[in-house]
């Protein structure tokens, strides 16, 4: 009798563990669903970041001043 009670409680615990959804799981599922809807709507993944790549070869006075400051700080 004691063993049967133990097995029943273990089975019910396993069921509870399987059905438990955390808030993180819920947020992840919502993000995935939104992303799939976005892809279905536009036909491809949409990125909102529109930063333009800046070439390192271009003359940039501001960057040169920053590099000079770093070099002078290290030498002191």
Protein backbone atom coordinates (compact mmCIF):
# COMPACT_ATOMS: atom_id res chain seq x y z
CA UNK A 1 0.00 0.00 0.00
CA UNK A 2 2.78 2.42 0.89
CA UNK A 3 4.58 1.66 -2.37
CA UNK A 4 1.42 2.32 -4.41
CA UNK A 5 0.96 5.72 -2.75
CA UNK A 6 4.58 6.57 -3.46
CA UNK A 7 4.26 5.62 -7.13
CA UNK A 8 1.07 7.65 -7.51
CA UNK A 9 2.65 10.75 -5.99
CA UNK A 10 5.70 10.38 -8.24
CA UNK A 11 3.47 10.07 -11.31
CA UNK A 12 1.50 13.15 -10.35
CA UNK A 13 4.73 15.10 -9.75
CA UNK A 14 6.02 14.13 -13.18
CA UNK A 15 2.77 15.33 -14.75
CA UNK A 16 3.05 18.66 -12.92
CA UNK A 17 6.62 19.12 -14.08
CA UNK A 18 5.64 18.46 -17.68
CA UNK A 19 2.77 20.95 -17.62
CA UNK A 20 4.62 23.78 -15.88
CA UNK A 21 5.43 26.70 -18.20
CA UNK A 22 7.71 29.40 -16.85
CA UNK A 23 7.52 33.07 -17.72
CA UNK A 24 10.80 32.78 -19.64
CA UNK A 25 9.35 29.96 -21.75
CA UNK A 26 6.28 32.07 -22.45
CA UNK A 27 8.38 35.07 -23.54
CA UNK A 28 10.58 32.89 -25.74
CA UNK A 29 7.56 31.33 -27.43
CA UNK A 30 6.04 34.77 -28.07
CA UNK A 31 9.29 36.06 -29.60
CA UNK A 32 9.58 33.04 -31.85
CA UNK A 33 5.97 33.35 -32.96
CA UNK A 34 6.36 37.05 -33.70
CA UNK A 35 9.51 36.37 -35.70
CA UNK A 36 7.78 33.66 -37.76
CA UNK A 37 4.83 36.00 -38.43
CA UNK A 38 7.24 38.72 -39.53
CA UNK A 39 9.01 36.34 -41.92
CA UNK A 40 5.67 35.12 -43.30
CA UNK A 41 4.50 38.70 -43.82
CA UNK A 42 7.64 40.05 -45.49
CA UNK A 43 9.03 36.89 -47.03
CA UNK A 44 12.36 37.27 -45.22
CA UNK A 45 13.69 38.26 -41.78
CA UNK A 46 13.46 41.99 -41.17
CA UNK A 47 16.28 43.79 -39.41
CA UNK A 48 15.71 47.25 -38.01
CA UNK A 49 19.38 48.12 -37.68
CA UNK A 50 20.33 50.38 -40.55
CA UNK A 51 23.88 51.35 -39.52
CA UNK A 52 26.14 52.16 -42.42
CA UNK A 53 29.59 50.59 -42.39
CA UNK A 54 32.30 53.19 -41.99
CA UNK A 55 35.56 52.51 -43.79
CA UNK A 56 38.68 52.65 -41.64
CA UNK A 57 40.66 53.99 -44.58
CA UNK A 58 38.74 57.26 -44.74
CA UNK A 59 40.38 60.33 -43.16
CA UNK A 60 38.70 61.01 -39.81
CA UNK A 61 40.03 63.86 -37.67
CA UNK A 62 37.99 62.83 -34.62
CA UNK A 63 39.33 59.28 -34.64
CA UNK A 64 42.89 60.54 -35.09
CA UNK A 65 42.54 62.80 -32.03
CA UNK A 66 41.23 59.89 -29.95
CA UNK A 67 44.14 57.70 -30.99
CA UNK A 68 46.62 60.46 -30.12
CA UNK A 69 45.05 60.79 -26.64
CA UNK A 70 45.27 57.02 -26.05
CA UNK A 71 48.93 56.94 -27.11
CA UNK A 72 49.80 59.92 -24.90
CA UNK A 73 47.99 58.36 -21.91
CA UNK A 74 49.89 55.09 -22.30
CA UNK A 75 53.28 56.81 -22.57
CA UNK A 76 52.75 58.78 -19.33
